[in-house]
Amino acid sequence: METKESQHTILIVDDVPENVELLKYLLSQEGFKTYTAYSAEEARLVLLNTRIDTLLLDVNMPEQDGFSFCRELREMDQFKLLPILFITSIDREVGFQEAMKNGGDDFINKPFNKRELVAKIHSVIRLKDLQDELYQQKSKYEKELQTARRVQDQLIPEKSFIWNGIKAQTLFHPYLQIGGDFVDTWIEEKKLHIVIADCSGHGPSAALIGAMFKMQLFNLVPNMGLKERVSHLRKNMELVLPEDYAITFCYAIIDQDLNLSYINGGHPAPIIYMDGETKLLKGMSPMIMGINMITNDEVQSIALKQGSKFFMYTDGASEAMNSKMEYITEEGMRDIFQKSVSIGGDILPTVQNQILEFCGTSTPNDDMAMVCIQL
């Protein structure tokens, strides 16, 4: 029966044939599969065409020495984690320091002790096995994230449409492959509904909560008023939301007469542009948490006019930071929105570009969702 060791391969590199044959014999006795090379050039060909688990490398070789060959390998992505053991007659103390400095994993002095050699090979191979397993898990996780992202794209599609002369547009940009932000706008009972939400955390768990939020949102009865809708959302999400999670949200409705009503549950203040002025809209109710709370959601109302613009975003935008460790802030988002309005055209791409311009070399480290309504 094939042992675990027989699955591992060793490449022996030494310009002295007697040394190569001795190592090949000893390691074959231990169950390893061995490959041989007598120069760095030959070793390079073997490595590029064969899966090698550990490299035993002599230092003093013609044309290219072992130290420079090791440095060369470490500059290649596929060999950055390859275990490399130097086996040479160089003084132990000097040799070990040079081995570490040039990218080696360990150093064995000639004449070597067989038990020490085999023990060190087993040690570096165990580490490589763990690294390979982690890499495989990472690759599998990334593939699952890509699948989850495609699902989330279907659940939270970016939208752009016109209703009753009003242009609605959304943007969704997760920090990871998937995220916990939610944004949507749709027509129901001759009214424009706009919802934006932000679940604490990132990644699959936050995205799953975002999916549950959407499910609860679209299970609401059409003829419910805004306050009743938010009350049902709270009640149903509190049943499934873990205690260490929270959801901020803002739910707004615009009717055919351009009357805007909204409830802000712990979310960044919506921004409105009207009559040439840009301002943050007041009013704050509690966020949704995984505990039973007695809340009194405040419905805020404002009469919009033709030419008005309504904007909401998640805190991934206002908390974006530049290299000076400065945040954009809610006031900064108001200024960015005002500048974007003055530029004209599609507002959301302009807002996003200004956020990235503010960040400079710093990458935003949170999910980002936005919605803009233009009358």
Protein backbone atom coordinates (compact mmCIF):
# COMPACT_ATOMS: atom_id res chain seq x y z
CA MET A 1 0.00 0.00 0.00
CA GLU A 2 1.31 3.47 -0.87
CA THR A 3 2.51 5.38 2.18
CA LYS A 4 1.97 9.08 2.72
CA GLU A 5 5.72 9.71 2.25
CA SER A 6 5.70 8.03 -1.17
CA GLN A 7 3.38 10.77 -2.38
CA HIS A 8 6.09 13.37 -1.78
CA THR A 9 8.81 14.22 -4.27
CA ILE A 10 12.36 15.40 -3.58
CA LEU A 11 14.65 17.09 -6.10
CA ILE A 12 18.37 16.54 -5.33
CA VAL A 13 20.69 19.14 -6.88
CA ASP A 14 24.46 18.59 -6.60
CA ASP A 15 27.28 18.68 -9.15
CA VAL A 16 28.96 15.62 -7.56
CA PRO A 17 27.34 12.39 -8.87
CA GLU A 18 28.40 10.36 -5.81
CA ASN A 19 26.56 12.78 -3.51
CA VAL A 20 23.46 12.64 -5.67
CA GLU A 21 23.41 8.84 -5.75
CA LEU A 22 23.89 8.56 -1.98
CA LEU A 23 21.02 10.94 -1.24
CA LYS A 24 18.83 9.26 -3.84
CA TYR A 25 19.42 5.85 -2.23
CA LEU A 26 18.80 7.05 1.35
CA LEU A 27 15.62 8.95 0.50
CA SER A 28 14.24 6.16 -1.67
CA GLN A 29 14.64 3.86 1.33
CA GLU A 30 12.45 6.27 3.28
CA GLY A 31 9.68 6.05 0.67
CA PHE A 32 10.25 9.36 -1.12
CA LYS A 33 10.17 9.69 -4.89
CA THR A 34 13.41 11.38 -5.99
CA TYR A 35 14.48 13.45 -8.99
CA THR A 36 18.05 14.49 -9.67
CA ALA A 37 19.90 17.39 -11.29
CA TYR A 38 23.61 18.24 -11.53
CA SER A 39 23.32 22.00 -12.08
CA ALA A 40 20.94 24.89 -11.52
CA GLU A 41 20.00 24.78 -15.20
CA GLU A 42 18.98 21.11 -15.02
CA ALA A 43 17.11 21.77 -11.75
CA ARG A 44 15.21 24.63 -13.34
CA LEU A 45 13.89 22.33 -16.09
CA VAL A 46 12.79 19.70 -13.59
CA LEU A 47 11.01 22.26 -11.41
CA LEU A 48 9.14 23.77 -14.34
CA ASN A 49 7.87 20.39 -15.52
CA THR A 50 7.44 18.31 -12.35
CA ARG A 51 5.63 18.78 -9.04
CA ILE A 52 8.36 18.93 -6.40
CA ASP A 53 7.65 18.98 -2.65
CA THR A 54 11.17 19.69 -1.37
CA LEU A 55 14.41 20.86 -2.95
CA LEU A 56 17.78 19.64 -1.59
CA LEU A 57 20.30 22.15 -2.93
CA ASP A 58 24.10 22.17 -2.89
CA VAL A 59 25.81 25.57 -2.63
CA ASN A 60 29.09 25.17 -4.54
CA MET A 61 28.12 24.37 -8.11
CA PRO A 62 29.64 25.52 -11.44
CA GLU A 63 27.99 28.27 -13.54
CA GLN A 64 25.39 29.18 -10.87
CA ASP A 65 25.75 28.58 -7.14
CA GLY A 66 22.94 27.37 -4.90
CA PHE A 67 22.40 30.69 -3.11
CA SER A 68 21.81 32.68 -6.32
CA PHE A 69 19.56 29.91 -7.69
CA CYS A 70 17.50 30.01 -4.48
CA ARG A 71 17.08 33.78 -4.80
CA GLU A 72 15.95 33.31 -8.38
CA LEU A 73 13.31 30.76 -7.35
CA ARG A 74 11.96 32.98 -4.58
CA GLU A 75 11.22 35.68 -7.14
CA MET A 76 8.90 33.29 -9.02
CA ASP A 77 5.36 33.01 -7.63
CA GLN A 78 5.13 29.23 -8.04
CA PHE A 79 8.25 28.67 -5.94
CA LYS A 80 7.87 31.27 -3.19
CA LEU A 81 6.72 28.60 -0.70
CA LEU A 82 8.74 25.64 -2.02
CA PRO A 83 10.77 24.12 0.89
CA ILE A 84 14.47 24.52 0.10
CA LEU A 85 17.12 22.80 2.22
CA PHE A 86 20.79 23.59 1.60
CA ILE A 87 23.07 20.61 2.04
CA THR A 88 26.76 21.58 1.84
CA SER A 89 30.18 21.43 3.47
CA ILE A 90 30.28 25.19 4.23
CA ASP A 91 30.87 26.05 7.90
CA ARG A 92 27.61 25.44 9.81
CA GLU A 93 27.24 28.90 11.41
CA VAL A 94 28.15 30.86 8.28
CA GLY A 95 26.20 28.50 6.05
CA PHE A 96 23.01 28.72 8.09
CA GLN A 97 23.06 32.53 8.06
CA GLU A 98 23.64 32.62 4.31
CA ALA A 99 20.93 30.02 3.72
CA MET A 100 18.35 32.07 5.59
CA LYS A 101 19.47 35.33 3.97
CA ASN A 102 19.10 33.88 0.47
CA GLY A 103 15.64 32.38 0.97
CA GLY A 104 16.38 28.88 2.23
CA ASP A 105 14.28 27.10 4.84
CA ASP A 106 17.06 25.15 6.57
CA PHE A 107 20.69 24.11 6.33
CA ILE A 108 22.32 20.68 6.69
CA ASN A 109 26.07 20.37 7.03
CA LYS A 110 28.13 17.72 5.22
CA PRO A 111 28.88 15.05 6.24
CA PHE A 112 25.22 14.83 7.20
CA ASN A 113 23.44 12.64 9.70
CA LYS A 114 20.74 10.54 7.99
CA ARG A 115 18.25 10.90 10.87
CA GLU A 116 18.71 14.69 10.95
CA LEU A 117 18.27 14.90 7.17
CA VAL A 118 15.07 12.82 7.13
CA ALA A 119 13.65 14.61 10.17
CA LYS A 120 14.16 18.02 8.57
CA ILE A 121 12.62 16.87 5.31
CA HIS A 122 9.56 15.54 7.15
CA SER A 123 9.31 18.84 9.04
CA VAL A 124 9.29 21.09 5.97
CA ILE A 125 6.96 18.73 4.09
CA ARG A 126 4.42 18.86 6.95
CA LEU A 127 4.46 22.64 6.67
CA LYS A 128 4.09 22.45 2.90
CA ASP A 129 1.15 20.05 3.22
CA LEU A 130 -0.57 22.53 5.54
CA GLN A 131 0.17 25.41 3.14
CA ASP A 132 -1.19 23.40 0.20
CA GLU A 133 -4.33 22.55 2.16
CA LEU A 134 -4.85 26.19 3.10
CA TYR A 135 -4.34 27.22 -0.52
CA GLN A 136 -6.90 24.66 -1.71
CA GLN A 137 -9.40 25.84 0.91
CA LYS A 138 -8.75 29.44 -0.10
CA SER A 139 -9.29 28.61 -3.76
CA LYS A 140 -12.51 26.75 -2.94
CA TYR A 141 -13.70 29.64 -0.75
CA GLU A 142 -12.95 32.17 -3.50
CA LYS A 143 -14.86 30.06 -6.02
CA GLU A 144 -17.82 29.89 -3.63
CA LEU A 145 -17.61 33.67 -3.14
CA GLN A 146 -17.74 34.18 -6.90
CA THR A 147 -20.87 32.01 -7.08
CA ALA A 148 -22.38 33.88 -4.13
CA ARG A 149 -21.59 37.20 -5.84
CA ARG A 150 -23.48 36.12 -8.95
CA VAL A 151 -26.45 35.21 -6.74
CA GLN A 152 -26.21 38.54 -4.91
CA ASP A 153 -26.08 40.40 -8.24
CA GLN A 154 -29.47 38.82 -9.00
CA LEU A 155 -30.82 39.71 -5.55
CA ILE A 156 -29.49 43.28 -5.61
CA PRO A 157 -29.22 44.32 -9.26
CA GLU A 158 -28.11 47.85 -10.04
CA LYS A 159 -31.10 49.70 -11.49
CA SER A 160 -31.75 52.70 -13.70
CA PHE A 161 -35.27 53.60 -14.82
CA ILE A 162 -37.70 56.48 -15.25
CA TRP A 163 -41.15 56.62 -13.64
CA ASN A 164 -43.61 59.50 -13.82
CA GLY A 165 -40.80 61.76 -15.08
CA ILE A 166 -38.57 60.73 -12.15
CA LYS A 167 -35.20 59.07 -12.79
CA ALA A 168 -34.14 56.42 -10.27
CA GLN A 169 -30.65 54.93 -10.19
CA THR A 170 -28.83 52.59 -7.76
CA LEU A 171 -25.21 51.53 -7.27
CA PHE A 172 -23.88 48.58 -5.27
CA HIS A 173 -20.18 47.91 -4.67
CA PRO A 174 -19.23 45.30 -2.01
CA TYR A 175 -15.84 45.53 -0.27
CA LEU A 176 -15.34 41.76 -0.66
CA GLN A 177 -16.86 39.54 -3.34
CA ILE A 178 -20.13 39.86 -1.46
CA GLY A 179 -21.27 42.28 1.23
CA GLY A 180 -23.96 43.26 3.68
CA ASP A 181 -25.25 46.45 2.03
CA PHE A 182 -28.66 46.51 0.37
CA VAL A 183 -30.24 49.03 -1.97
CA ASP A 184 -33.35 48.88 -4.14
CA THR A 185 -36.03 51.04 -5.67
CA TRP A 186 -39.27 49.92 -7.29
CA ILE A 187 -42.82 50.99 -8.19
CA GLU A 188 -45.72 49.77 -6.04
CA GLU A 189 -49.28 51.06 -5.78
CA LYS A 190 -48.37 54.06 -7.99
CA LYS A 191 -45.61 55.11 -5.61
CA LEU A 192 -41.82 55.01 -5.84
CA HIS A 193 -40.25 53.01 -2.99
CA ILE A 194 -36.59 53.53 -2.12
CA VAL A 195 -34.79 51.42 0.49
CA ILE A 196 -31.17 51.34 1.54
CA ALA A 197 -29.73 49.26 4.39
CA ASP A 198 -26.39 48.30 5.89
CA CYS A 199 -25.82 45.13 7.91
CA SER A 200 -22.86 45.17 10.29
CA GLY A 201 -19.88 43.10 9.16
CA HIS A 202 -18.70 41.93 5.74
CA GLY A 203 -18.69 38.79 3.66
CA PRO A 204 -21.08 35.82 3.51
CA SER A 205 -22.77 36.25 6.92
CA ALA A 206 -23.58 39.91 6.27
CA ALA A 207 -24.73 39.09 2.73
CA LEU A 208 -27.04 36.36 4.05
CA ILE A 209 -28.64 38.83 6.45
CA GLY A 210 -29.02 41.25 3.54
CA ALA A 211 -30.82 38.53 1.59
CA MET A 212 -33.16 37.90 4.54
CA PHE A 213 -33.83 41.64 4.71
CA LYS A 214 -34.89 41.66 1.05
CA MET A 215 -37.08 38.59 1.57
CA GLN A 216 -38.88 40.27 4.47
CA LEU A 217 -39.15 43.52 2.52
CA PHE A 218 -40.91 41.91 -0.43
CA ASN A 219 -43.22 39.85 1.77
CA LEU A 220 -44.90 43.05 2.96
CA VAL A 221 -48.55 43.57 1.99
CA PRO A 222 -48.84 46.19 -0.81
CA ASN A 223 -51.41 48.44 0.92
CA MET A 224 -49.32 48.87 4.11
CA GLY A 225 -48.32 52.39 5.05
CA LEU A 226 -44.68 53.35 5.60
CA LYS A 227 -44.78 53.13 9.40
CA GLU A 228 -46.49 49.74 9.31
CA ARG A 229 -43.97 48.47 6.78
CA VAL A 230 -41.02 49.44 8.95
CA SER A 231 -42.71 47.94 12.02
CA HIS A 232 -43.13 44.60 10.26
CA LEU A 233 -39.54 44.71 9.01
CA ARG A 234 -38.29 45.31 12.54
CA LYS A 235 -40.37 42.55 14.07
CA ASN A 236 -39.44 39.92 11.47
CA MET A 237 -35.72 40.78 11.32
CA GLU A 238 -35.39 40.84 15.13
CA LEU A 239 -36.50 37.18 15.12
CA VAL A 240 -33.61 36.06 12.89
CA LEU A 241 -30.90 38.65 13.53
CA PRO A 242 -28.05 37.47 15.83
CA GLU A 243 -27.53 39.60 18.92
CA ASP A 244 -24.14 40.87 17.75
CA TYR A 245 -25.52 42.13 14.42
CA ALA A 246 -27.41 45.31 13.58
CA ILE A 247 -29.00 46.85 10.50
CA THR A 248 -29.22 50.54 9.75
CA PHE A 249 -31.73 51.52 7.08
CA CYS A 250 -33.69 54.30 5.44
CA TYR A 251 -37.04 53.62 3.80
CA ALA A 252 -38.50 56.38 1.62
CA ILE A 253 -41.63 56.66 -0.52
CA ILE A 254 -42.44 59.29 -3.17
CA ASP A 255 -46.05 59.58 -4.40
CA GLN A 256 -47.32 60.94 -7.71
CA ASP A 257 -47.70 64.42 -6.19
CA LEU A 258 -43.97 64.42 -5.35
CA ASN A 259 -44.52 64.12 -1.61
CA LEU A 260 -41.60 62.38 0.06
CA SER A 261 -41.97 60.46 3.32
CA TYR A 262 -39.20 58.49 5.00
CA ILE A 263 -38.07 56.72 8.16
CA ASN A 264 -34.37 56.72 8.97
CA GLY A 265 -33.32 53.85 11.24
CA GLY A 266 -29.85 54.82 12.44
CA HIS A 267 -28.61 55.41 8.90
CA PRO A 268 -26.54 58.30 7.50
CA ALA A 269 -28.81 61.27 6.85
CA PRO A 270 -30.39 61.38 3.37
CA ILE A 271 -29.37 64.34 1.24
CA ILE A 272 -31.70 66.53 -0.77
CA TYR A 273 -31.01 69.14 -3.42
CA MET A 274 -33.88 71.59 -3.92
CA ASP A 275 -34.09 75.25 -4.94
CA GLY A 276 -30.33 75.36 -5.45
CA GLU A 277 -29.61 74.26 -1.88
CA THR A 278 -28.15 70.94 -0.69
CA LYS A 279 -28.91 69.81 2.85
CA LEU A 280 -29.00 66.79 5.15
CA LEU A 281 -32.51 65.63 6.07
CA LYS A 282 -33.29 65.39 9.78
CA GLY A 283 -35.02 62.66 11.75
CA MET A 284 -33.64 59.51 13.35
CA SER A 285 -35.23 56.30 14.59
CA PRO A 286 -33.41 53.30 16.12
CA MET A 287 -31.59 50.78 13.97
CA ILE A 288 -32.72 47.14 13.82
CA MET A 289 -30.97 44.87 16.33
CA GLY A 290 -31.29 41.24 17.34
CA ILE A 291 -33.19 42.11 20.53
CA ASN A 292 -36.79 43.06 21.21
CA MET A 293 -37.07 46.84 21.42
CA ILE A 294 -39.98 49.18 21.94
CA THR A 295 -39.58 51.75 19.18
CA ASN A 296 -41.50 54.71 17.92
CA ASP A 297 -40.51 55.23 14.32
CA GLU A 298 -40.79 58.85 13.22
CA VAL A 299 -42.14 59.44 9.72
CA GLN A 300 -40.55 62.53 8.17
CA SER A 301 -42.23 64.31 5.25
CA ILE A 302 -41.21 66.90 2.69
CA ALA A 303 -42.84 68.24 -0.48
CA LEU A 304 -40.45 67.91 -3.39
CA LYS A 305 -40.37 70.10 -6.50
CA GLN A 306 -39.42 69.55 -10.10
CA GLY A 307 -35.65 69.64 -10.32
CA SER A 308 -35.20 68.22 -6.80
CA LYS A 309 -32.72 65.43 -6.23
CA PHE A 310 -32.79 62.87 -3.40
CA PHE A 311 -29.70 60.87 -2.43
CA MET A 312 -29.00 58.07 0.07
CA TYR A 313 -25.85 56.03 0.70
CA THR A 314 -24.31 53.58 3.17
CA ASP A 315 -21.53 54.55 5.58
CA GLY A 316 -18.91 52.87 3.41
CA ALA A 317 -18.99 56.19 1.52
CA SER A 318 -18.96 58.66 4.42
CA GLU A 319 -16.36 56.61 6.33
CA ALA A 320 -14.01 56.24 3.36
CA MET A 321 -10.57 57.44 4.42
CA ASN A 322 -7.56 59.01 2.69
CA SER A 323 -3.84 58.55 3.34
CA LYS A 324 -3.97 61.27 6.02
CA MET A 325 -6.47 59.14 8.00
CA GLU A 326 -9.24 61.70 7.29
CA TYR A 327 -12.85 60.54 6.79
CA ILE A 328 -15.20 61.99 4.20
CA THR A 329 -17.97 62.41 6.87
CA GLU A 330 -21.65 63.09 6.22
CA GLU A 331 -20.95 66.78 5.60
CA GLY A 332 -18.30 65.75 3.09
CA MET A 333 -20.83 63.54 1.30
CA ARG A 334 -23.19 66.52 1.12
CA ASP A 335 -20.46 68.58 -0.55
CA ILE A 336 -19.58 65.72 -2.93
CA PHE A 337 -23.25 65.34 -3.87
CA GLN A 338 -23.64 69.07 -4.46
CA LYS A 339 -20.57 69.13 -6.70
CA SER A 340 -21.88 66.09 -8.60
CA VAL A 341 -25.21 67.82 -9.19
CA SER A 342 -23.44 70.90 -10.56
CA ILE A 343 -21.38 68.71 -12.93
CA GLY A 344 -24.59 67.21 -14.35
CA GLY A 345 -25.24 63.91 -16.09
CA ASP A 346 -25.49 60.62 -14.18
CA ILE A 347 -24.85 61.58 -10.57
CA LEU A 348 -23.89 58.25 -8.98
CA PRO A 349 -20.79 57.53 -11.14
CA THR A 350 -19.63 61.11 -10.47
CA VAL A 351 -20.13 60.67 -6.71
CA GLN A 352 -18.22 57.39 -6.77
CA ASN A 353 -15.33 58.94 -8.72
CA GLN A 354 -15.09 61.79 -6.22
CA ILE A 355 -14.98 59.33 -3.33
CA LEU A 356 -12.14 57.41 -4.98
CA GLU A 357 -10.37 60.70 -5.73
CA PHE A 358 -10.64 61.66 -2.04
CA CYS A 359 -9.21 58.27 -0.98
CA GLY A 360 -6.26 58.56 -3.37
CA THR A 361 -3.93 55.61 -2.79
CA SER A 362 -6.10 54.30 0.08
CA THR A 363 -8.65 51.64 -0.86
CA PRO A 364 -12.18 51.99 0.65
CA ASN A 365 -12.51 49.22 3.27
CA ASP A 366 -16.29 48.90 3.51
CA ASP A 367 -19.23 47.99 1.31
CA MET A 368 -20.74 50.88 -0.60
CA ALA A 369 -24.31 51.32 -1.86
CA MET A 370 -26.07 54.44 -3.17
CA VAL A 371 -29.35 55.52 -4.69
CA CYS A 372 -30.22 58.78 -6.42
CA ILE A 373 -33.67 60.03 -7.39
CA GLN A 374 -33.81 62.92 -9.87
CA LEU A 375 -37.06 64.79 -10.43
